[in-house]
C-alpha atoms as a PDB file:
ATOM      1  CA  MET A   1      -9.917   2.913  23.434  1.00  0.00           C
ATOM      2  CA  GLU A   2     -10.690   3.836  20.178  1.00  0.00           C
ATOM      3  CA  LEU A   3     -10.679   2.062  17.473  1.00  0.00           C
ATOM      4  CA  ASN A   4     -10.102   2.573  14.180  1.00  0.00           C
ATOM      5  CA  SER A   5     -10.535   1.381  10.744  1.00  0.00           C
ATOM      6  CA  ILE A   6      -8.172  -0.814   8.967  1.00  0.00           C
ATOM      7  CA  GLU A   7      -7.904   1.667   5.917  1.00  0.00           C
ATOM      8  CA  SER A   8      -7.337   4.262   8.020  1.00  0.00           C
ATOM      9  CA  GLY A   9      -4.417   3.064  10.068  1.00  0.00           C
ATOM     10  CA  LEU A  10      -2.732   2.161   6.114  1.00  0.00           C
ATOM     11  CA  GLY A  11      -3.447   4.803   5.007  1.00  0.00           C
ATOM     12  CA  ILE A  12      -4.717   3.233   0.908  1.00  0.00           C
ATOM     13  CA  ASN A  13      -7.932   5.064   1.192  1.00  0.00           C
ATOM     14  CA  LYS A  14      -5.678   8.502   0.791  1.00  0.00           C
ATOM     15  CA  ALA A  15      -4.951   6.840  -2.279  1.00  0.00           C
ATOM     16  CA  PHE A  16      -8.166   7.040  -4.533  1.00  0.00           C
ATOM     17  CA  SER A  17     -10.343   9.770  -2.482  1.00  0.00           C
ATOM     18  CA  GLU A  18      -7.134  12.252  -4.326  1.00  0.00           C
ATOM     19  CA  LYS A  19      -8.991  14.387  -7.074  1.00  0.00           C
ATOM     20  CA  THR A  20      -6.866  15.697  -9.783  1.00  0.00           C
ATOM     21  CA  ASP A  21      -6.795  18.810 -10.765  1.00  0.00           C
ATOM     22  CA  ALA A  22      -9.220  20.316 -14.296  1.00  0.00           C
ATOM     23  CA  LYS A  23      -5.802  19.538 -15.861  1.00  0.00           C
ATOM     24  CA  ALA A  24      -7.517  15.927 -16.550  1.00  0.00           C
ATOM     25  CA  SER A  25      -4.906  12.784 -17.105  1.00  0.00           C
ATOM     26  CA  SER A  26      -5.040  10.190 -19.758  1.00  0.00           C
ATOM     27  CA  PRO A  27      -5.950   7.804 -17.691  1.00  0.00           C
ATOM     28  CA  ALA A  28      -2.706   5.215 -17.469  1.00  0.00           C
ATOM     29  CA  GLU A  29      -1.018   8.787 -16.007  1.00  0.00           C
ATOM     30  CA  GLY A  30      -3.956   8.168 -13.074  1.00  0.00           C
ATOM     31  CA  ALA A  31      -3.335   4.303 -12.521  1.00  0.00           C
ATOM     32  CA  GLY A  32       0.823   4.599 -13.392  1.00  0.00           C
ATOM     33  CA  LYS A  33       0.634   7.750 -10.517  1.00  0.00           C
ATOM     34  CA  PHE A  34      -1.290   5.204  -8.589  1.00  0.00           C
ATOM     35  CA  PHE A  35       0.103   2.344  -8.419  1.00  0.00           C
ATOM     36  CA  SER A  36       3.714   4.933  -7.743  1.00  0.00           C
ATOM     37  CA  GLU A  37       2.744   6.253  -5.022  1.00  0.00           C
ATOM     38  CA  LEU A  38       1.152   2.547  -3.450  1.00  0.00           C
ATOM     39  CA  ILE A  39       4.146   1.084  -4.029  1.00  0.00           C
ATOM     40  CA  SER A  40       6.621   3.816  -2.705  1.00  0.00           C
ATOM     41  CA  LYS A  41       3.472   3.615   0.553  1.00  0.00           C
ATOM     42  CA  VAL A  42       4.117   0.478   1.213  1.00  0.00           C
ATOM     43  CA  ASN A  43       8.176   0.116   0.532  1.00  0.00           C
ATOM     44  CA  ASP A  44       7.602   2.717   3.111  1.00  0.00           C
ATOM     45  CA  MET A  45       5.934   0.305   5.889  1.00  0.00           C
ATOM     46  CA  GLN A  46       8.415  -2.104   4.934  1.00  0.00           C
ATOM     47  CA  THR A  47      11.027  -0.047   6.216  1.00  0.00           C
ATOM     48  CA  GLN A  48       8.994   1.216   9.316  1.00  0.00           C
ATOM     49  CA  SER A  49       8.760  -2.659   9.722  1.00  0.00           C
ATOM     50  CA  GLU A  50      12.405  -3.385   9.529  1.00  0.00           C
ATOM     51  CA  ASN A  51      13.818  -0.382  11.833  1.00  0.00           C
ATOM     52  CA  SER A  52      11.489  -1.466  14.167  1.00  0.00           C
ATOM     53  CA  ILE A  53      12.313  -4.970  13.809  1.00  0.00           C
ATOM     54  CA  GLN A  54      16.499  -3.279  14.150  1.00  0.00           C
ATOM     55  CA  ALA A  55      15.157  -1.395  16.959  1.00  0.00           C
ATOM     56  CA  LEU A  56      13.990  -4.704  19.186  1.00  0.00           C
ATOM     57  CA  ALA A  57      16.617  -6.485  18.627  1.00  0.00           C
ATOM     58  CA  SER A  58      20.035  -3.537  19.691  1.00  0.00           C
ATOM     59  CA  GLY A  59      17.148  -3.147  22.973  1.00  0.00           C
ATOM     60  CA  GLU A  60      16.047   0.241  21.969  1.00  0.00           C
ATOM     61  CA  ASN A  61      12.426  -0.820  21.755  1.00  0.00           C
ATOM     62  CA  LYS A  62      10.833  -2.140  24.411  1.00  0.00           C
ATOM     63  CA  ASN A  63       7.306  -2.976  22.821  1.00  0.00           C
ATOM     64  CA  LEU A  64       7.437  -6.074  21.354  1.00  0.00           C
ATOM     65  CA  HIS A  65       3.994  -5.501  20.405  1.00  0.00           C
ATOM     66  CA  GLU A  66       4.502  -1.559  18.716  1.00  0.00           C
ATOM     67  CA  VAL A  67       6.768  -4.258  16.847  1.00  0.00           C
ATOM     68  CA  MET A  68       3.880  -7.063  15.923  1.00  0.00           C
ATOM     69  CA  ILE A  69       1.529  -4.182  14.422  1.00  0.00           C
ATOM     70  CA  SER A  70       3.514  -2.326  12.488  1.00  0.00           C
ATOM     71  CA  MET A  71       4.839  -6.445  11.016  1.00  0.00           C
ATOM     72  CA  GLU A  72       1.162  -6.879  10.307  1.00  0.00           C
ATOM     73  CA  LYS A  73       0.616  -2.960   9.080  1.00  0.00           C
ATOM     74  CA  ALA A  74       2.765  -4.046   6.331  1.00  0.00           C
ATOM     75  CA  SER A  75       2.598  -7.646   5.609  1.00  0.00           C
ATOM     76  CA  ILE A  76      -1.113  -6.430   5.053  1.00  0.00           C
ATOM     77  CA  SER A  77      -0.143  -2.760   2.808  1.00  0.00           C
ATOM     78  CA  PHE A  78       1.892  -5.928   1.058  1.00  0.00           C
ATOM     79  CA  GLN A  79      -0.583  -7.938  -0.163  1.00  0.00           C
ATOM     80  CA  PHE A  80      -3.159  -5.388  -0.591  1.00  0.00           C
ATOM     81  CA  MET A  81      -0.195  -4.347  -3.278  1.00  0.00           C
ATOM     82  CA  SER A  82      -0.311  -7.479  -4.924  1.00  0.00           C
ATOM     83  CA  SER A  83      -4.100  -8.345  -5.096  1.00  0.00           C
ATOM     84  CA  VAL A  84      -4.326  -4.955  -6.808  1.00  0.00           C
ATOM     85  CA  ARG A  85      -1.686  -5.784  -9.197  1.00  0.00           C
ATOM     86  CA  ASN A  86      -2.405  -9.833 -10.174  1.00  0.00           C
ATOM     87  CA  LYS A  87      -6.408  -8.229 -10.807  1.00  0.00           C
ATOM     88  CA  ALA A  88      -5.176  -5.440 -12.840  1.00  0.00           C
ATOM     89  CA  LEU A  89      -3.098  -7.608 -15.068  1.00  0.00           C
ATOM     90  CA  GLU A  90      -5.908  -9.919 -14.831  1.00  0.00           C
ATOM     91  CA  ALA A  91      -7.977  -7.235 -16.853  1.00  0.00           C
ATOM     92  CA  TYR A  92      -4.991  -6.129 -19.128  1.00  0.00           C
ATOM     93  CA  GLN A  93      -4.634  -9.690 -19.729  1.00  0.00           C
ATOM     94  CA  GLU A  94      -8.239 -10.035 -20.015  1.00  0.00           C
ATOM     95  CA  VAL A  95      -8.258  -7.537 -22.055  1.00  0.00           C
ATOM     96  CA  MET A  96      -5.854  -8.248 -24.747  1.00  0.00           C
ATOM     97  CA  ARG A  97      -8.016 -12.081 -25.431  1.00  0.00           C
ATOM     98  CA  MET A  98     -10.723  -9.605 -27.162  1.00  0.00           C
ATOM     99  CA  GLN A  99     -10.639  -9.812 -30.317  1.00  0.00           C
ATOM    100  CA  VAL A 100     -11.827  -6.562 -33.121  1.00  0.00           C
END
């Protein structure tokens, strides 16, 4: 039985490992792209979870454990996105409180 780390299952570490090319974009564009990709991945996981729940309810899928795993992946990815958002918002508010 092979155990995979949580990051590999969620696909979140890929968002951090991707590097931009030699033409570096501004930090705001990089952060915006990161958040867009993160939201897209979380949305995909939520949709996949909803589809697996519907398949279980309709009788197409009889593997409850797969549905539960899908639901937990969606939940954990949403919690991660929410915590990243909160930290970014706190950092922005801290910068705005700085006196020039």
